[in-house]
């Protein structure tokens, strides 16, 4: 995969982050998983900031298809997490993120490159 030109993080920002020039916005359909492949290659590590409204119930899964939990059961789904109002994770170029919700919330993901291991 080719390298993607993205906004790099700089420690001099002192807690302030620049706008991302690589981001997505999704309006989810109820109970339907949708996937997105992170641009770039595995040498690029990104800070992915997930945002959703406070009433949204969204699950995201890394490199797999997101699943809605089954009522009244405990299910182990590797690399799947519930997205809180605002959360950040580290991901690599080429990773796939899958999103699902029982409702129709909007979710946004903004990337900032934090490392390039070339």
C-alpha atoms as a PDB file:
ATOM      1  CA  UNK A   1       0.000   0.000   0.000  1.00  0.00           C
ATOM      2  CA  UNK A   2       1.173   3.550  -0.577  1.00  0.00           C
ATOM      3  CA  UNK A   3       2.038   5.992   2.163  1.00  0.00           C
ATOM      4  CA  UNK A   4      -0.711   8.476   3.034  1.00  0.00           C
ATOM      5  CA  UNK A   5       0.043  12.130   3.743  1.00  0.00           C
ATOM      6  CA  UNK A   6      -1.650  12.926   7.059  1.00  0.00           C
ATOM      7  CA  UNK A   7      -1.315  15.517   9.786  1.00  0.00           C
ATOM      8  CA  UNK A   8       1.461  14.475  12.172  1.00  0.00           C
ATOM      9  CA  UNK A   9       1.217  14.838  15.943  1.00  0.00           C
ATOM     10  CA  UNK A  10       3.780  17.110  17.588  1.00  0.00           C
ATOM     11  CA  UNK A  11       4.458  17.124  21.350  1.00  0.00           C
ATOM     12  CA  UNK A  12       4.706  20.941  21.260  1.00  0.00           C
ATOM     13  CA  UNK A  13       0.918  21.154  20.885  1.00  0.00           C
ATOM     14  CA  UNK A  14       0.607  20.675  24.705  1.00  0.00           C
ATOM     15  CA  UNK A  15      -2.698  18.813  24.618  1.00  0.00           C
ATOM     16  CA  UNK A  16      -4.037  20.631  21.564  1.00  0.00           C
ATOM     17  CA  UNK A  17      -4.436  18.551  18.441  1.00  0.00           C
ATOM     18  CA  UNK A  18      -4.561  19.845  14.855  1.00  0.00           C
ATOM     19  CA  UNK A  19      -7.462  19.163  12.501  1.00  0.00           C
ATOM     20  CA  UNK A  20      -7.114  15.818  10.773  1.00  0.00           C
ATOM     21  CA  UNK A  21      -6.922  15.722   6.998  1.00  0.00           C
ATOM     22  CA  UNK A  22      -7.884  12.032   7.099  1.00  0.00           C
ATOM     23  CA  UNK A  23     -11.258  11.397   8.695  1.00  0.00           C
ATOM     24  CA  UNK A  24     -14.538   9.613   8.077  1.00  0.00           C
ATOM     25  CA  UNK A  25     -18.142  10.295   9.015  1.00  0.00           C
ATOM     26  CA  UNK A  26     -20.699   7.475   9.073  1.00  0.00           C
ATOM     27  CA  UNK A  27     -24.467   7.361   9.544  1.00  0.00           C
ATOM     28  CA  UNK A  28     -25.027   3.768  10.641  1.00  0.00           C
ATOM     29  CA  UNK A  29     -28.002   1.682   9.550  1.00  0.00           C
ATOM     30  CA  UNK A  30     -29.596  -0.296  12.389  1.00  0.00           C
ATOM     31  CA  UNK A  31     -28.005  -3.704  13.030  1.00  0.00           C
ATOM     32  CA  UNK A  32     -25.882  -3.515   9.861  1.00  0.00           C
ATOM     33  CA  UNK A  33     -22.089  -3.685  10.136  1.00  0.00           C
ATOM     34  CA  UNK A  34     -20.032  -1.372   7.940  1.00  0.00           C
ATOM     35  CA  UNK A  35     -16.256  -1.564   7.489  1.00  0.00           C
ATOM     36  CA  UNK A  36     -13.543   0.946   6.653  1.00  0.00           C
ATOM     37  CA  UNK A  37      -9.911   0.235   5.833  1.00  0.00           C
ATOM     38  CA  UNK A  38      -7.400   2.654   7.352  1.00  0.00           C
ATOM     39  CA  UNK A  39      -5.353   4.254   4.545  1.00  0.00           C
ATOM     40  CA  UNK A  40      -1.608   3.688   4.368  1.00  0.00           C
ATOM     41  CA  UNK A  41       0.481   0.683   5.297  1.00  0.00           C
ATOM     42  CA  UNK A  42       1.524  -1.139   8.463  1.00  0.00           C
ATOM     43  CA  UNK A  43       4.581   1.122   8.941  1.00  0.00           C
ATOM     44  CA  UNK A  44       2.222   4.031   9.712  1.00  0.00           C
ATOM     45  CA  UNK A  45       0.737   4.193  13.204  1.00  0.00           C
ATOM     46  CA  UNK A  46      -2.208   6.516  13.811  1.00  0.00           C
ATOM     47  CA  UNK A  47      -4.134   7.954  16.720  1.00  0.00           C
ATOM     48  CA  UNK A  48      -7.758   7.277  15.807  1.00  0.00           C
ATOM     49  CA  UNK A  49     -10.195   9.502  17.688  1.00  0.00           C
ATOM     50  CA  UNK A  50     -13.730   8.089  17.745  1.00  0.00           C
ATOM     51  CA  UNK A  51     -16.620  10.485  18.360  1.00  0.00           C
ATOM     52  CA  UNK A  52     -20.337   9.901  18.712  1.00  0.00           C
ATOM     53  CA  UNK A  53     -23.262  11.501  20.508  1.00  0.00           C
ATOM     54  CA  UNK A  54     -23.813  10.760  24.183  1.00  0.00           C
ATOM     55  CA  UNK A  55     -26.881   8.651  23.346  1.00  0.00           C
ATOM     56  CA  UNK A  56     -25.188   6.506  20.690  1.00  0.00           C
ATOM     57  CA  UNK A  57     -24.544   2.823  21.306  1.00  0.00           C
ATOM     58  CA  UNK A  58     -21.814   1.840  18.875  1.00  0.00           C
ATOM     59  CA  UNK A  59     -19.503  -1.163  18.780  1.00  0.00           C
ATOM     60  CA  UNK A  60     -16.235  -1.089  16.830  1.00  0.00           C
ATOM     61  CA  UNK A  61     -14.070  -4.083  15.976  1.00  0.00           C
ATOM     62  CA  UNK A  62     -10.486  -4.134  14.737  1.00  0.00           C
ATOM     63  CA  UNK A  63      -9.790  -6.464  11.785  1.00  0.00           C
ATOM     64  CA  UNK A  64     -13.083  -8.353  12.022  1.00  0.00           C
ATOM     65  CA  UNK A  65     -16.826  -7.802  11.616  1.00  0.00           C
ATOM     66  CA  UNK A  66     -18.507  -6.004  14.522  1.00  0.00           C
ATOM     67  CA  UNK A  67     -21.373  -7.825  16.226  1.00  0.00           C
ATOM     68  CA  UNK A  68     -24.257  -6.606  18.364  1.00  0.00           C
ATOM     69  CA  UNK A  69     -24.221  -8.454  21.714  1.00  0.00           C
ATOM     70  CA  UNK A  70     -26.960 -11.015  22.267  1.00  0.00           C
ATOM     71  CA  UNK A  71     -29.469 -10.236  24.998  1.00  0.00           C
ATOM     72  CA  UNK A  72     -28.879 -11.887  28.393  1.00  0.00           C
ATOM     73  CA  UNK A  73     -25.656 -13.667  27.353  1.00  0.00           C
ATOM     74  CA  UNK A  74     -21.956 -13.091  27.843  1.00  0.00           C
ATOM     75  CA  UNK A  75     -20.153 -13.211  24.512  1.00  0.00           C
ATOM     76  CA  UNK A  76     -16.418 -12.858  23.942  1.00  0.00           C
ATOM     77  CA  UNK A  77     -15.646 -10.935  20.747  1.00  0.00           C
ATOM     78  CA  UNK A  78     -11.885 -10.369  20.292  1.00  0.00           C
ATOM     79  CA  UNK A  79     -10.787  -6.809  19.454  1.00  0.00           C
ATOM     80  CA  UNK A  80     -14.298  -5.354  19.781  1.00  0.00           C
ATOM     81  CA  UNK A  81     -15.111  -2.468  22.101  1.00  0.00           C
ATOM     82  CA  UNK A  82     -18.009  -0.176  22.935  1.00  0.00           C
ATOM     83  CA  UNK A  83     -17.272   3.396  21.804  1.00  0.00           C
ATOM     84  CA  UNK A  84     -17.790   5.962  24.546  1.00  0.00           C
ATOM     85  CA  UNK A  85     -18.537   9.623  23.762  1.00  0.00           C
ATOM     86  CA  UNK A  86     -14.910  10.314  22.817  1.00  0.00           C
ATOM     87  CA  UNK A  87     -12.166   7.732  22.743  1.00  0.00           C
ATOM     88  CA  UNK A  88      -8.759   7.356  21.068  1.00  0.00           C
ATOM     89  CA  UNK A  89      -6.960   4.175  20.036  1.00  0.00           C
ATOM     90  CA  UNK A  90      -3.753   3.402  18.150  1.00  0.00           C
ATOM     91  CA  UNK A  91      -4.191   1.682  14.791  1.00  0.00           C
ATOM     92  CA  UNK A  92      -2.002   0.927  11.759  1.00  0.00           C
ATOM     93  CA  UNK A  93      -2.431   1.669   8.080  1.00  0.00           C
ATOM     94  CA  UNK A  94      -4.192  -1.245   6.396  1.00  0.00           C
ATOM     95  CA  UNK A  95      -6.196  -2.169   9.522  1.00  0.00           C
ATOM     96  CA  UNK A  96      -9.955  -2.557   9.074  1.00  0.00           C
ATOM     97  CA  UNK A  97     -12.478  -1.040  11.466  1.00  0.00           C
ATOM     98  CA  UNK A  98     -16.014  -2.419  11.558  1.00  0.00           C
ATOM     99  CA  UNK A  99     -18.896  -0.517  13.176  1.00  0.00           C
ATOM    100  CA  UNK A 100     -22.373  -1.637  14.258  1.00  0.00           C
ATOM    101  CA  UNK A 101     -25.271  -0.318  16.337  1.00  0.00           C
ATOM    102  CA  UNK A 102     -28.877  -1.308  16.967  1.00  0.00           C
ATOM    103  CA  UNK A 103     -29.859   2.302  16.271  1.00  0.00           C
ATOM    104  CA  UNK A 104     -28.900   4.760  13.536  1.00  0.00           C
ATOM    105  CA  UNK A 105     -26.241   6.957  15.190  1.00  0.00           C
ATOM    106  CA  UNK A 106     -23.588   9.043  13.539  1.00  0.00           C
ATOM    107  CA  UNK A 107     -19.940   8.315  14.268  1.00  0.00           C
ATOM    108  CA  UNK A 108     -16.775  10.108  13.248  1.00  0.00           C
ATOM    109  CA  UNK A 109     -13.173   8.933  13.200  1.00  0.00           C
ATOM    110  CA  UNK A 110     -10.214  11.312  12.813  1.00  0.00           C
ATOM    111  CA  UNK A 111      -6.656  10.104  12.220  1.00  0.00           C
ATOM    112  CA  UNK A 112      -3.386  11.707  13.267  1.00  0.00           C
ATOM    113  CA  UNK A 113      -0.133   9.996  12.340  1.00  0.00           C
ATOM    114  CA  UNK A 114       1.992   9.481  15.451  1.00  0.00           C
ATOM    115  CA  UNK A 115       4.730   7.242  14.088  1.00  0.00           C
ATOM    116  CA  UNK A 116       6.192   6.094  10.805  1.00  0.00           C
ATOM    117  CA  UNK A 117       8.464   3.047  11.038  1.00  0.00           C
ATOM    118  CA  UNK A 118      10.185   3.267   7.660  1.00  0.00           C
END
